[in-house]
Amino acid sequence: LPVRRRERRMMRFKSAGQCQRFVSTHGQIANLFQLHRKHLNAADHRQLRALASATWREIALPIQA
């Protein structure tokens, strides 16, 4: 059941607010990395993964500095 899985994941966080902040950010970032592999050959998949990683570095590195 999806609801049970979601509840189990939420238990890992200290508060519902912390969980909500993570989920809202994670949803936006996860879209960069969720590639539908069955429609891609290996070379295209590697190229898209490299592009996603580069995009992630552009987003994440300024936040850490």
PDB file of N, CA and C in Angstrom:
ATOM      1  N   LEU A   1       0.831  -1.200   0.000  1.00  0.00           N
ATOM      2  CA  LEU A   1       0.000   0.000   0.000  1.00  0.00           C
ATOM      3  C   LEU A   1       0.870   1.256   0.000  1.00  0.00           C
ATOM      4  N   PRO A   2       0.607   2.169  -0.904  1.00  0.00           N
ATOM      5  CA  PRO A   2       1.410   3.395  -0.979  1.00  0.00           C
ATOM      6  C   PRO A   2       1.359   4.229   0.302  1.00  0.00           C
ATOM      7  N   VAL A   3       0.199   4.250   0.957  1.00  0.00           N
ATOM      8  CA  VAL A   3       0.063   5.063   2.169  1.00  0.00           C
ATOM      9  C   VAL A   3       0.970   4.523   3.266  1.00  0.00           C
ATOM     10  N   ARG A   4       1.005   3.219   3.427  1.00  0.00           N
ATOM     11  CA  ARG A   4       1.859   2.602   4.454  1.00  0.00           C
ATOM     12  C   ARG A   4       3.333   2.886   4.183  1.00  0.00           C
ATOM     13  N   ARG A   5       3.741   2.781   2.920  1.00  0.00           N
ATOM     14  CA  ARG A   5       5.130   3.066   2.579  1.00  0.00           C
ATOM     15  C   ARG A   5       5.475   4.516   2.885  1.00  0.00           C
ATOM     16  N   ARG A   6       4.562   5.415   2.564  1.00  0.00           N
ATOM     17  CA  ARG A   6       4.799   6.833   2.831  1.00  0.00           C
ATOM     18  C   ARG A   6       4.900   7.079   4.337  1.00  0.00           C
ATOM     19  N   GLU A   7       4.038   6.449   5.117  1.00  0.00           N
ATOM     20  CA  GLU A   7       4.101   6.610   6.566  1.00  0.00           C
ATOM     21  C   GLU A   7       5.417   6.070   7.119  1.00  0.00           C
ATOM     22  N   ARG A   8       5.878   4.956   6.591  1.00  0.00           N
ATOM     23  CA  ARG A   8       7.135   4.366   7.052  1.00  0.00           C
ATOM     24  C   ARG A   8       8.303   5.306   6.763  1.00  0.00           C
ATOM     25  N   ARG A   9       8.300   5.916   5.583  1.00  0.00           N
ATOM     26  CA  ARG A   9       9.362   6.860   5.246  1.00  0.00           C
ATOM     27  C   ARG A   9       9.303   8.103   6.120  1.00  0.00           C
ATOM     28  N   MET A  10       8.111   8.562   6.445  1.00  0.00           N
ATOM     29  CA  MET A  10       7.970   9.765   7.257  1.00  0.00           C
ATOM     30  C   MET A  10       8.490   9.552   8.673  1.00  0.00           C
ATOM     31  N   MET A  11       8.478   8.319   9.147  1.00  0.00           N
ATOM     32  CA  MET A  11       8.956   8.029  10.500  1.00  0.00           C
ATOM     33  C   MET A  11      10.456   8.287  10.637  1.00  0.00           C
ATOM     34  N   ARG A  12      11.184   8.346   9.539  1.00  0.00           N
ATOM     35  CA  ARG A  12      12.626   8.580   9.583  1.00  0.00           C
ATOM     36  C   ARG A  12      12.973  10.026   9.923  1.00  0.00           C
ATOM     37  N   PHE A  13      12.006  10.928   9.824  1.00  0.00           N
ATOM     38  CA  PHE A  13      12.249  12.339  10.083  1.00  0.00           C
ATOM     39  C   PHE A  13      11.824  12.700  11.498  1.00  0.00           C
ATOM     40  N   LYS A  14      12.466  13.731  12.032  1.00  0.00           N
ATOM     41  CA  LYS A  14      12.158  14.156  13.397  1.00  0.00           C
ATOM     42  C   LYS A  14      10.794  14.831  13.492  1.00  0.00           C
ATOM     43  N   SER A  15      10.406  15.522  12.434  1.00  0.00           N
ATOM     44  CA  SER A  15       9.138  16.239  12.462  1.00  0.00           C
ATOM     45  C   SER A  15       8.474  16.180  11.092  1.00  0.00           C
ATOM     46  N   ALA A  16       7.189  16.454  11.072  1.00  0.00           N
ATOM     47  CA  ALA A  16       6.459  16.485   9.805  1.00  0.00           C
ATOM     48  C   ALA A  16       6.942  17.644   8.938  1.00  0.00           C
ATOM     49  N   GLY A  17       7.327  18.752   9.572  1.00  0.00           N
ATOM     50  CA  GLY A  17       7.832  19.900   8.826  1.00  0.00           C
ATOM     51  C   GLY A  17       9.135  19.593   8.111  1.00  0.00           C
ATOM     52  N   GLN A  18      10.023  18.875   8.811  1.00  0.00           N
ATOM     53  CA  GLN A  18      11.287  18.484   8.195  1.00  0.00           C
ATOM     54  C   GLN A  18      11.024  17.556   7.018  1.00  0.00           C
ATOM     55  N   CYS A  19      10.098  16.636   7.192  1.00  0.00           N
ATOM     56  CA  CYS A  19       9.747  15.714   6.120  1.00  0.00           C
ATOM     57  C   CYS A  19       9.193  16.480   4.920  1.00  0.00           C
ATOM     58  N   GLN A  20       8.324  17.437   5.169  1.00  0.00           N
ATOM     59  CA  GLN A  20       7.720  18.203   4.079  1.00  0.00           C
ATOM     60  C   GLN A  20       8.771  19.000   3.310  1.00  0.00           C
ATOM     61  N   ARG A  21       9.719  19.601   4.027  1.00  0.00           N
ATOM     62  CA  ARG A  21      10.783  20.362   3.355  1.00  0.00           C
ATOM     63  C   ARG A  21      11.611  19.443   2.460  1.00  0.00           C
ATOM     64  N   PHE A  22      11.931  18.266   2.981  1.00  0.00           N
ATOM     65  CA  PHE A  22      12.713  17.323   2.188  1.00  0.00           C
ATOM     66  C   PHE A  22      11.946  16.864   0.957  1.00  0.00           C
ATOM     67  N   VAL A  23      10.693  16.489   1.151  1.00  0.00           N
ATOM     68  CA  VAL A  23       9.895  15.946   0.050  1.00  0.00           C
ATOM     69  C   VAL A  23       9.690  16.987  -1.044  1.00  0.00           C
ATOM     70  N   SER A  24       9.443  18.234  -0.669  1.00  0.00           N
ATOM     71  CA  SER A  24       9.208  19.261  -1.686  1.00  0.00           C
ATOM     72  C   SER A  24      10.475  19.507  -2.511  1.00  0.00           C
ATOM     73  N   THR A  25      11.628  19.486  -1.879  1.00  0.00           N
ATOM     74  CA  THR A  25      12.883  19.669  -2.610  1.00  0.00           C
ATOM     75  C   THR A  25      13.251  18.420  -3.390  1.00  0.00           C
ATOM     76  N   HIS A  26      13.089  17.283  -2.762  1.00  0.00           N
ATOM     77  CA  HIS A  26      13.475  16.019  -3.392  1.00  0.00           C
ATOM     78  C   HIS A  26      12.681  15.782  -4.675  1.00  0.00           C
ATOM     79  N   GLY A  27      11.407  16.113  -4.669  1.00  0.00           N
ATOM     80  CA  GLY A  27      10.581  15.906  -5.853  1.00  0.00           C
ATOM     81  C   GLY A  27      11.098  16.664  -7.065  1.00  0.00           C
ATOM     82  N   GLN A  28      11.546  17.876  -6.846  1.00  0.00           N
ATOM     83  CA  GLN A  28      12.055  18.689  -7.945  1.00  0.00           C
ATOM     84  C   GLN A  28      13.393  18.165  -8.449  1.00  0.00           C
ATOM     85  N   ILE A  29      14.249  17.751  -7.530  1.00  0.00           N
ATOM     86  CA  ILE A  29      15.571  17.275  -7.907  1.00  0.00           C
ATOM     87  C   ILE A  29      15.507  15.885  -8.510  1.00  0.00           C
ATOM     88  N   ALA A  30      14.665  15.038  -7.975  1.00  0.00           N
ATOM     89  CA  ALA A  30      14.593  13.653  -8.449  1.00  0.00           C
ATOM     90  C   ALA A  30      14.200  13.568  -9.915  1.00  0.00           C
ATOM     91  N   ASN A  31      13.446  14.550 -10.394  1.00  0.00           N
ATOM     92  CA  ASN A  31      13.050  14.540 -11.804  1.00  0.00           C
ATOM     93  C   ASN A  31      14.248  14.618 -12.741  1.00  0.00           C
ATOM     94  N   LEU A  32      15.348  15.198 -12.269  1.00  0.00           N
ATOM     95  CA  LEU A  32      16.550  15.265 -13.097  1.00  0.00           C
ATOM     96  C   LEU A  32      17.138  13.882 -13.350  1.00  0.00           C
ATOM     97  N   PHE A  33      16.973  12.992 -12.372  1.00  0.00           N
ATOM     98  CA  PHE A  33      17.683  11.724 -12.411  1.00  0.00           C
ATOM     99  C   PHE A  33      16.807  10.535 -12.801  1.00  0.00           C
ATOM    100  N   GLN A  34      15.513  10.718 -12.892  1.00  0.00           N
ATOM    101  CA  GLN A  34      14.631   9.610 -13.232  1.00  0.00           C
ATOM    102  C   GLN A  34      14.509   9.496 -14.746  1.00  0.00           C
ATOM    103  N   LEU A  35      15.351   8.673 -15.303  1.00  0.00           N
ATOM    104  CA  LEU A  35      15.341   8.464 -16.745  1.00  0.00           C
ATOM    105  C   LEU A  35      14.628   7.158 -17.051  1.00  0.00           C
ATOM    106  N   HIS A  36      13.834   7.153 -18.080  1.00  0.00           N
ATOM    107  CA  HIS A  36      13.132   5.936 -18.472  1.00  0.00           C
ATOM    108  C   HIS A  36      14.064   5.127 -19.368  1.00  0.00           C
ATOM    109  N   ARG A  37      14.756   4.218 -18.733  1.00  0.00           N
ATOM    110  CA  ARG A  37      15.842   3.475 -19.368  1.00  0.00           C
ATOM    111  C   ARG A  37      15.379   2.658 -20.564  1.00  0.00           C
ATOM    112  N   LYS A  38      14.165   2.163 -20.536  1.00  0.00           N
ATOM    113  CA  LYS A  38      13.730   1.270 -21.614  1.00  0.00           C
ATOM    114  C   LYS A  38      13.636   1.978 -22.970  1.00  0.00           C
ATOM    115  N   HIS A  39      13.614   3.301 -22.962  1.00  0.00           N
ATOM    116  CA  HIS A  39      13.513   4.047 -24.214  1.00  0.00           C
ATOM    117  C   HIS A  39      14.858   4.570 -24.703  1.00  0.00           C
ATOM    118  N   LEU A  40      15.943   4.254 -23.972  1.00  0.00           N
ATOM    119  CA  LEU A  40      17.249   4.802 -24.302  1.00  0.00           C
ATOM    120  C   LEU A  40      18.257   3.692 -24.563  1.00  0.00           C
ATOM    121  N   ASN A  41      19.166   3.971 -25.466  1.00  0.00           N
ATOM    122  CA  ASN A  41      20.294   3.051 -25.581  1.00  0.00           C
ATOM    123  C   ASN A  41      21.349   3.488 -24.570  1.00  0.00           C
ATOM    124  N   ALA A  42      22.404   2.697 -24.399  1.00  0.00           N
ATOM    125  CA  ALA A  42      23.396   2.947 -23.349  1.00  0.00           C
ATOM    126  C   ALA A  42      24.105   4.282 -23.525  1.00  0.00           C
ATOM    127  N   ALA A  43      24.460   4.629 -24.747  1.00  0.00           N
ATOM    128  CA  ALA A  43      25.186   5.882 -24.994  1.00  0.00           C
ATOM    129  C   ALA A  43      24.320   7.093 -24.644  1.00  0.00           C
ATOM    130  N   ASP A  44      23.056   7.065 -25.036  1.00  0.00           N
ATOM    131  CA  ASP A  44      22.154   8.171 -24.713  1.00  0.00           C
ATOM    132  C   ASP A  44      21.932   8.267 -23.206  1.00  0.00           C
ATOM    133  N   HIS A  45      21.819   7.118 -22.559  1.00  0.00           N
ATOM    134  CA  HIS A  45      21.614   7.092 -21.116  1.00  0.00           C
ATOM    135  C   HIS A  45      22.811   7.718 -20.395  1.00  0.00           C
ATOM    136  N   ARG A  46      24.023   7.358 -20.798  1.00  0.00           N
ATOM    137  CA  ARG A  46      25.229   7.939 -20.191  1.00  0.00           C
ATOM    138  C   ARG A  46      25.286   9.442 -20.419  1.00  0.00           C
ATOM    139  N   GLN A  47      24.927   9.877 -21.610  1.00  0.00           N
ATOM    140  CA  GLN A  47      24.951  11.309 -21.919  1.00  0.00           C
ATOM    141  C   GLN A  47      23.944  12.069 -21.047  1.00  0.00           C
ATOM    142  N   LEU A  48      22.755  11.539 -20.886  1.00  0.00           N
ATOM    143  CA  LEU A  48      21.747  12.205 -20.064  1.00  0.00           C
ATOM    144  C   LEU A  48      22.131  12.188 -18.586  1.00  0.00           C
ATOM    145  N   ARG A  49      22.750  11.105 -18.115  1.00  0.00           N
ATOM    146  CA  ARG A  49      23.216  11.051 -16.726  1.00  0.00           C
ATOM    147  C   ARG A  49      24.302  12.105 -16.491  1.00  0.00           C
ATOM    148  N   ALA A  50      25.201  12.269 -17.447  1.00  0.00           N
ATOM    149  CA  ALA A  50      26.248  13.280 -17.319  1.00  0.00           C
ATOM    150  C   ALA A  50      25.640  14.680 -17.284  1.00  0.00           C
ATOM    151  N   LEU A  51      24.649  14.921 -18.122  1.00  0.00           N
ATOM    152  CA  LEU A  51      23.969  16.217 -18.131  1.00  0.00           C
ATOM    153  C   LEU A  51      23.253  16.467 -16.801  1.00  0.00           C
ATOM    154  N   ALA A  52      22.596  15.447 -16.277  1.00  0.00           N
ATOM    155  CA  ALA A  52      21.904  15.582 -14.992  1.00  0.00           C
ATOM    156  C   ALA A  52      22.899  15.852 -13.869  1.00  0.00           C
ATOM    157  N   SER A  53      24.031  15.175 -13.891  1.00  0.00           N
ATOM    158  CA  SER A  53      25.052  15.401 -12.863  1.00  0.00           C
ATOM    159  C   SER A  53      25.617  16.808 -12.950  1.00  0.00           C
ATOM    160  N   ALA A  54      25.845  17.285 -14.152  1.00  0.00           N
ATOM    161  CA  ALA A  54      26.353  18.650 -14.328  1.00  0.00           C
ATOM    162  C   ALA A  54      25.333  19.670 -13.830  1.00  0.00           C
ATOM    163  N   THR A  55      24.083  19.442 -14.127  1.00  0.00           N
ATOM    164  CA  THR A  55      23.019  20.333 -13.656  1.00  0.00           C
ATOM    165  C   THR A  55      22.964  20.323 -12.133  1.00  0.00           C
ATOM    166  N   TRP A  56      23.089  19.138 -11.551  1.00  0.00           N
ATOM    167  CA  TRP A  56      23.058  19.020 -10.094  1.00  0.00           C
ATOM    168  C   TRP A  56      24.229  19.785  -9.476  1.00  0.00           C
ATOM    169  N   ARG A  57      25.406  19.686 -10.059  1.00  0.00           N
ATOM    170  CA  ARG A  57      26.567  20.415  -9.533  1.00  0.00           C
ATOM    171  C   ARG A  57      26.338  21.925  -9.608  1.00  0.00           C
ATOM    172  N   GLU A  58      25.715  22.400 -10.679  1.00  0.00           N
ATOM    173  CA  GLU A  58      25.420  23.836 -10.799  1.00  0.00           C
ATOM    174  C   GLU A  58      24.464  24.292  -9.704  1.00  0.00           C
ATOM    175  N   ILE A  59      23.519  23.434  -9.362  1.00  0.00           N
ATOM    176  CA  ILE A  59      22.520  23.783  -8.348  1.00  0.00           C
ATOM    177  C   ILE A  59      23.097  23.652  -6.949  1.00  0.00           C
ATOM    178  N   ALA A  60      23.780  22.544  -6.673  1.00  0.00           N
ATOM    179  CA  ALA A  60      24.185  22.221  -5.308  1.00  0.00           C
ATOM    180  C   ALA A  60      25.435  22.956  -4.842  1.00  0.00           C
ATOM    181  N   LEU A  61      26.402  23.172  -5.705  1.00  0.00           N
ATOM    182  CA  LEU A  61      27.649  23.781  -5.263  1.00  0.00           C
ATOM    183  C   LEU A  61      27.479  25.205  -4.735  1.00  0.00           C
ATOM    184  N   PRO A  62      26.687  26.069  -5.360  1.00  0.00           N
ATOM    185  CA  PRO A  62      26.513  27.410  -4.786  1.00  0.00           C
ATOM    186  C   PRO A  62      25.864  27.382  -3.404  1.00  0.00           C
ATOM    187  N   ILE A  63      25.041  26.391  -3.136  1.00  0.00           N
ATOM    188  CA  ILE A  63      24.370  26.294  -1.841  1.00  0.00           C
ATOM    189  C   ILE A  63      25.383  25.953  -0.751  1.00  0.00           C
ATOM    190  N   GLN A  64      26.346  25.088  -1.049  1.00  0.00           N
ATOM    191  CA  GLN A  64      27.333  24.666  -0.065  1.00  0.00           C
ATOM    192  C   GLN A  64      28.335  25.767   0.246  1.00  0.00           C
ATOM    193  N   ALA A  65      28.614  26.617  -0.704  1.00  0.00           N
ATOM    194  CA  ALA A  65      29.647  27.653  -0.510  1.00  0.00           C
ATOM    195  C   ALA A  65      29.195  28.766   0.399  1.00  0.00           C
TER     196      ALA A  65
END
